[in-house]
Amino acid sequence: MPSVFLSHSWEDKFFTRKLAERLEEAEIRVWIDEAELKIGDSLIHKISDAIKQSDYVVAVLSHNSVSSGWVQKELAIAMTEEIGGRRITVLPVLIEKCEIPPFLKDKVCADFTDAQKFESSFSRLLKALGVSKKILLNTKTDTITVKAISPEVTITPLGLEHFEDITLTGSDIDKTYKPDPNKTLYNIYFKLSRRPPQEWIQIFDAERRFPRHTMWREAWVEGQDIVVHCTPAEIKEYHLEDIKEDLSNTNQKYRKYLQEQAIQEERKRIKAEKEKLEISDALEGLEFD
């Protein structure tokens, strides 16, 4: 089976983890930095070796990754290997509309921008990797696995059942302050309905990464508050609606993340059951007298 190096920005790790897990289920060897790197490793040497030992480099393209200097280094190494006639092939995977790097523009992208079409996009990616989807369906147990995780079946994790959208409940004037007395910008605090989990915060940070207009300001989560670095006069005209939109998008993406986590847990459970049955079949009928 082929081996794949996943080049991505850390802000896109939720999608990348899902893709890695699906590729591993297809018995494809996957190299993903957060899983492979150990404390003390030389980043550039470790990653360079991993790329050179892979059959494919899958470039996860987004606003985050195309502006990441580290991802550019990874792709430069991979393209050098490919252009040099070595066995490696670079496959671009588009997860949001963004500017494609010039050296990848002549390649057809696997389009994952529509979350509802993940399965069809994944099938096309498997084909590009030289893997037939039939490999995933070659046993009765695996067929049950695929059916059990199909879109027609709803798998609801405990976290999703109890997750309520995180919303703004008001401002906190007592916490608001001016970090630099010589400037007009304040750190203005807004209360959230509850303290968000770490994964939710990471999604929110990614939502705020790229400006949507010229008055865009830095904002971040601090405990049970969202802090906006701006002037008080800007709040009503610009930032309140921005933050509400970011909260809505983050809640939606976090729910999707919980659903994907549940699907992965279901896959692991079925895989464990399959392995248990195989062991049971192998040991059945043994005589120990």
Protein backbone atom coordinates (compact mmCIF):
# COMPACT_ATOMS: atom_id res chain seq x y z
CA MET A 1 0.00 0.00 0.00
CA PRO A 2 1.16 3.59 -0.61
CA SER A 3 2.54 5.89 2.06
CA VAL A 4 1.30 9.47 2.46
CA PHE A 5 2.77 12.57 4.08
CA LEU A 6 0.06 15.05 5.14
CA SER A 7 1.28 18.63 4.78
CA HIS A 8 -1.03 21.01 6.65
CA SER A 9 -1.34 24.01 8.93
CA TRP A 10 -2.08 23.31 12.59
CA GLU A 11 -5.25 25.40 12.30
CA ASP A 12 -6.61 22.72 9.94
CA LYS A 13 -5.76 19.81 12.21
CA PHE A 14 -9.40 18.78 12.75
CA PHE A 15 -9.87 18.06 9.04
CA THR A 16 -6.37 16.60 8.73
CA ARG A 17 -6.86 14.18 11.64
CA LYS A 18 -10.10 12.95 10.08
CA LEU A 19 -8.41 12.49 6.71
CA ALA A 20 -5.49 10.64 8.34
CA GLU A 21 -7.82 8.27 10.16
CA ARG A 22 -9.77 7.50 6.98
CA LEU A 23 -6.56 6.87 5.03
CA GLU A 24 -5.28 4.54 7.74
CA GLU A 25 -8.56 2.60 7.57
CA ALA A 26 -7.75 2.05 3.90
CA GLU A 27 -4.46 0.53 5.10
CA ILE A 28 -2.46 3.50 3.80
CA ARG A 29 0.59 4.45 5.85
CA VAL A 30 0.21 8.07 6.97
CA TRP A 31 2.82 10.48 8.32
CA ILE A 32 1.33 13.41 10.26
CA ASP A 33 3.72 15.60 12.23
CA GLU A 34 1.74 15.90 15.46
CA ALA A 35 1.69 12.11 15.75
CA GLU A 36 5.25 11.38 14.61
CA LEU A 37 7.46 14.14 16.00
CA LYS A 38 9.04 13.57 19.39
CA ILE A 39 10.64 16.00 21.82
CA GLY A 40 14.19 16.72 20.71
CA ASP A 41 13.66 15.83 17.05
CA SER A 42 15.16 18.10 14.41
CA LEU A 43 12.03 19.35 12.64
CA ILE A 44 13.49 20.01 9.21
CA HIS A 45 15.51 16.77 9.11
CA LYS A 46 12.70 14.58 10.44
CA ILE A 47 10.10 16.05 8.08
CA SER A 48 12.49 16.05 5.10
CA ASP A 49 13.23 12.35 5.66
CA ALA A 50 9.51 11.57 6.04
CA ILE A 51 8.69 13.34 2.76
CA LYS A 52 11.47 11.55 0.87
CA GLN A 53 10.30 8.18 2.18
CA SER A 54 6.65 8.78 1.18
CA ASP A 55 4.98 7.90 -2.11
CA TYR A 56 2.66 10.90 -1.96
CA VAL A 57 2.53 14.29 -0.27
CA VAL A 58 -1.07 15.37 0.26
CA ALA A 59 -1.12 19.16 0.58
CA VAL A 60 -4.14 20.32 2.61
CA LEU A 61 -4.82 23.77 1.12
CA SER A 62 -6.59 26.56 2.99
CA HIS A 63 -6.03 30.21 3.80
CA ASN A 64 -4.08 28.96 6.80
CA SER A 65 -1.74 26.62 4.98
CA VAL A 66 -0.95 28.69 1.87
CA SER A 67 0.30 31.48 4.15
CA SER A 68 2.27 29.11 6.40
CA GLY A 69 6.02 29.33 5.91
CA TRP A 70 6.46 25.83 7.30
CA VAL A 71 3.96 24.28 4.87
CA GLN A 72 5.73 26.10 2.02
CA LYS A 73 9.01 24.49 3.12
CA GLU A 74 7.41 21.03 3.15
CA LEU A 75 5.93 21.50 -0.32
CA ALA A 76 9.20 22.90 -1.67
CA ILE A 77 10.97 19.73 -0.54
CA ALA A 78 8.25 17.55 -2.07
CA MET A 79 8.15 19.42 -5.39
CA THR A 80 11.94 19.25 -5.65
CA GLU A 81 11.72 15.47 -5.25
CA GLU A 82 8.89 15.19 -7.79
CA ILE A 83 10.55 17.44 -10.38
CA GLY A 84 13.78 15.52 -9.88
CA GLY A 85 12.02 12.42 -11.20
CA ARG A 86 11.82 10.61 -7.90
CA ARG A 87 8.81 8.44 -7.03
CA ILE A 88 7.02 11.04 -4.88
CA THR A 89 3.84 12.76 -6.15
CA VAL A 90 2.22 15.89 -4.69
CA LEU A 91 -1.59 15.81 -4.49
CA PRO A 92 -3.38 19.05 -3.54
CA VAL A 93 -6.49 18.79 -1.36
CA LEU A 94 -8.63 21.93 -1.19
CA ILE A 95 -10.65 22.40 2.01
CA GLU A 96 -11.66 26.04 1.43
CA LYS A 97 -11.51 28.45 -1.47
CA CYS A 98 -8.07 30.08 -1.41
CA GLU A 99 -5.21 31.15 -3.65
CA ILE A 100 -3.51 28.01 -4.98
CA PRO A 101 0.31 28.19 -4.81
CA PRO A 102 1.75 28.76 -8.33
CA PHE A 103 3.65 25.46 -8.40
CA LEU A 104 0.40 23.53 -7.75
CA LYS A 105 -1.89 25.38 -10.18
CA ASP A 106 -1.33 22.85 -12.97
CA LYS A 107 -2.55 20.01 -10.74
CA VAL A 108 -6.18 18.98 -10.32
CA CYS A 109 -7.24 19.48 -6.68
CA ALA A 110 -9.30 17.03 -4.67
CA ASP A 111 -12.18 19.31 -3.66
CA PHE A 112 -13.22 18.89 -0.01
CA THR A 113 -14.78 22.36 0.32
CA ASP A 114 -18.28 20.87 0.64
CA ALA A 115 -18.45 18.83 3.87
CA GLN A 116 -21.59 17.04 2.59
CA LYS A 117 -19.56 15.56 -0.28
CA PHE A 118 -16.67 14.25 1.82
CA GLU A 119 -17.22 10.61 0.88
CA SER A 120 -17.24 11.19 -2.88
CA SER A 121 -14.17 13.45 -2.62
CA PHE A 122 -12.43 10.85 -0.48
CA SER A 123 -13.16 8.15 -3.06
CA ARG A 124 -11.54 10.28 -5.77
CA LEU A 125 -8.52 10.84 -3.55
CA LEU A 126 -8.17 7.10 -2.96
CA LYS A 127 -8.26 6.59 -6.74
CA ALA A 128 -5.48 9.17 -7.17
CA LEU A 129 -3.50 7.23 -4.56
CA GLY A 130 -3.99 4.07 -6.58
CA VAL A 131 -6.28 2.48 -4.00
CA SER A 132 -9.62 0.97 -4.90
CA LYS A 133 -12.44 1.68 -2.50
CA LYS A 134 -13.35 -2.02 -2.78
CA ILE A 135 -10.46 -2.68 -0.41
CA LEU A 136 -12.57 -1.09 2.29
CA LEU A 137 -15.51 -3.38 1.51
CA ASN A 138 -13.91 -6.77 1.01
CA THR A 139 -15.33 -8.50 4.10
CA LYS A 140 -18.73 -8.82 5.64
CA THR A 141 -17.54 -7.05 8.78
CA ASP A 142 -16.16 -4.09 6.84
CA THR A 143 -19.42 -3.79 4.94
CA ILE A 144 -21.23 -3.50 8.24
CA THR A 145 -18.68 -0.91 9.32
CA VAL A 146 -19.33 1.24 6.28
CA LYS A 147 -23.07 0.98 6.69
CA ALA A 148 -22.85 1.76 10.37
CA ILE A 149 -21.05 5.03 9.70
CA SER A 150 -22.92 6.08 6.59
CA PRO A 151 -24.65 9.48 6.51
CA GLU A 152 -28.04 7.76 6.77
CA VAL A 153 -27.26 6.62 10.31
CA THR A 154 -27.03 9.22 13.04
CA ILE A 155 -24.34 8.60 15.63
CA THR A 156 -24.67 11.12 18.44
CA PRO A 157 -21.84 11.33 20.99
CA LEU A 158 -22.58 12.22 24.58
CA GLY A 159 -20.75 15.54 24.14
CA LEU A 160 -22.98 16.52 21.23
CA GLU A 161 -26.19 15.58 23.03
CA HIS A 162 -25.30 17.95 25.87
CA PHE A 163 -23.59 20.70 23.89
CA GLU A 164 -25.48 23.98 23.86
CA ASP A 165 -24.37 26.82 21.63
CA ILE A 166 -21.99 29.20 23.35
CA THR A 167 -23.36 32.75 23.13
CA LEU A 168 -22.63 36.27 24.31
CA THR A 169 -24.44 37.23 27.50
CA GLY A 170 -23.14 40.78 27.97
CA SER A 171 -20.10 42.96 28.43
CA ASP A 172 -17.83 43.20 31.46
CA ILE A 173 -16.86 46.82 32.09
CA ASP A 174 -14.92 45.93 35.25
CA LYS A 175 -12.45 43.80 33.27
CA THR A 176 -12.14 46.19 30.31
CA TYR A 177 -8.89 48.16 30.29
CA LYS A 178 -6.43 50.01 28.03
CA PRO A 179 -3.22 47.92 27.70
CA ASP A 180 -1.25 50.85 26.27
CA PRO A 181 -2.08 54.27 27.81
CA ASN A 182 -0.63 56.00 24.75
CA LYS A 183 -3.09 54.35 22.35
CA THR A 184 -6.87 54.53 21.92
CA LEU A 185 -7.43 50.75 21.81
CA TYR A 186 -8.93 48.89 24.77
CA ASN A 187 -9.19 45.22 25.64
CA ILE A 188 -12.99 45.01 25.84
CA TYR A 189 -14.41 41.93 27.56
CA PHE A 190 -17.64 40.15 26.61
CA LYS A 191 -19.10 37.39 28.76
CA LEU A 192 -19.80 33.97 27.24
CA SER A 193 -22.65 31.73 28.33
CA ARG A 194 -20.10 29.21 29.62
CA ARG A 195 -16.39 28.45 29.51
CA PRO A 196 -15.65 26.87 26.11
CA PRO A 197 -13.66 23.64 25.68
CA GLN A 198 -10.14 23.84 24.24
CA GLU A 199 -11.14 22.44 20.83
CA TRP A 200 -13.86 25.10 20.53
CA ILE A 201 -11.29 27.80 21.30
CA GLN A 202 -8.98 26.49 18.58
CA ILE A 203 -11.79 26.64 16.04
CA PHE A 204 -12.67 30.19 17.14
CA ASP A 205 -9.03 31.28 16.80
CA ALA A 206 -8.99 29.91 13.24
CA GLU A 207 -12.21 31.82 12.45
CA ARG A 208 -10.60 35.08 13.55
CA ARG A 209 -7.34 34.52 11.70
CA PHE A 210 -8.23 36.26 8.44
CA PRO A 211 -9.80 39.75 8.29
CA ARG A 212 -13.18 40.15 6.60
CA HIS A 213 -13.04 43.97 6.33
CA THR A 214 -10.70 46.92 6.89
CA MET A 215 -11.88 47.51 10.47
CA TRP A 216 -11.06 43.97 11.55
CA ARG A 217 -9.57 43.76 15.05
CA GLU A 218 -7.81 41.08 17.06
CA ALA A 219 -10.07 38.99 19.31
CA TRP A 220 -9.45 35.98 21.50
CA VAL A 221 -10.95 33.77 24.21
CA GLU A 222 -9.83 34.35 27.79
CA GLY A 223 -11.47 32.07 30.35
CA GLN A 224 -15.21 32.60 29.98
CA ASP A 225 -14.82 35.84 28.02
CA ILE A 226 -14.11 36.98 24.49
CA VAL A 227 -11.74 39.92 24.40
CA VAL A 228 -11.77 42.38 21.48
CA HIS A 229 -8.85 44.79 21.03
CA CYS A 230 -10.56 47.92 19.70
CA THR A 231 -12.01 51.33 20.55
CA PRO A 232 -15.37 51.35 22.39
CA ALA A 233 -16.94 53.34 19.54
CA GLU A 234 -16.25 50.53 17.06
CA ILE A 235 -18.20 47.89 18.94
CA LYS A 236 -21.73 48.66 17.76
CA GLU A 237 -20.80 49.49 14.18
CA TYR A 238 -18.41 46.62 13.48
CA HIS A 239 -17.31 44.13 16.07
CA LEU A 240 -20.47 42.96 17.83
CA GLU A 241 -21.93 41.46 14.65
CA ASP A 242 -18.52 40.04 13.70
CA ILE A 243 -18.22 38.24 17.04
CA LYS A 244 -21.77 36.90 16.82
CA GLU A 245 -21.02 35.53 13.35
CA ASP A 246 -17.78 33.97 14.59
CA LEU A 247 -19.61 32.36 17.52
CA SER A 248 -22.23 30.91 15.19
CA ASN A 249 -19.60 29.50 12.81
CA THR A 250 -17.54 28.12 15.69
CA ASN A 251 -20.55 26.41 17.30
CA GLN A 252 -21.47 24.83 13.98
CA LYS A 253 -17.93 23.59 13.29
CA TYR A 254 -17.56 22.31 16.86
CA ARG A 255 -20.75 20.27 16.51
CA LYS A 256 -19.36 18.82 13.29
CA TYR A 257 -16.11 18.03 15.10
CA LEU A 258 -18.02 16.16 17.86
CA GLN A 259 -19.96 14.22 15.24
CA GLU A 260 -16.75 13.24 13.44
CA GLN A 261 -15.20 12.16 16.74
CA ALA A 262 -18.22 9.94 17.39
CA ILE A 263 -17.90 8.36 13.96
CA GLN A 264 -14.22 7.63 14.57
CA GLU A 265 -15.02 6.06 17.95
CA GLU A 266 -17.65 3.89 16.27
CA ARG A 267 -15.11 2.79 13.68
CA LYS A 268 -12.62 1.91 16.42
CA ARG A 269 -15.28 -0.02 18.34
CA ILE A 270 -16.26 -2.06 15.29
CA LYS A 271 -12.62 -2.68 14.42
CA ALA A 272 -11.97 -3.92 17.97
CA GLU A 273 -15.01 -6.22 17.76
CA LYS A 274 -13.78 -7.57 14.43
CA GLU A 275 -10.34 -8.30 15.86
CA LYS A 276 -11.91 -9.97 18.89
CA LEU A 277 -14.01 -12.21 16.63
CA GLU A 278 -10.95 -13.12 14.54
CA ILE A 279 -9.04 -14.11 17.66
CA SER A 280 -12.02 -16.06 18.96
CA ASP A 281 -12.32 -17.93 15.64
CA ALA A 282 -8.61 -18.70 15.65
CA LEU A 283 -8.70 -20.09 19.19
CA GLU A 284 -11.97 -21.99 18.83
CA GLY A 285 -11.65 -25.73 19.11
CA LEU A 286 -8.18 -25.78 20.66
CA GLU A 287 -7.55 -28.73 22.95
CA PHE A 288 -5.34 -28.30 26.01
CA ASP A 289 -5.45 -31.82 27.50
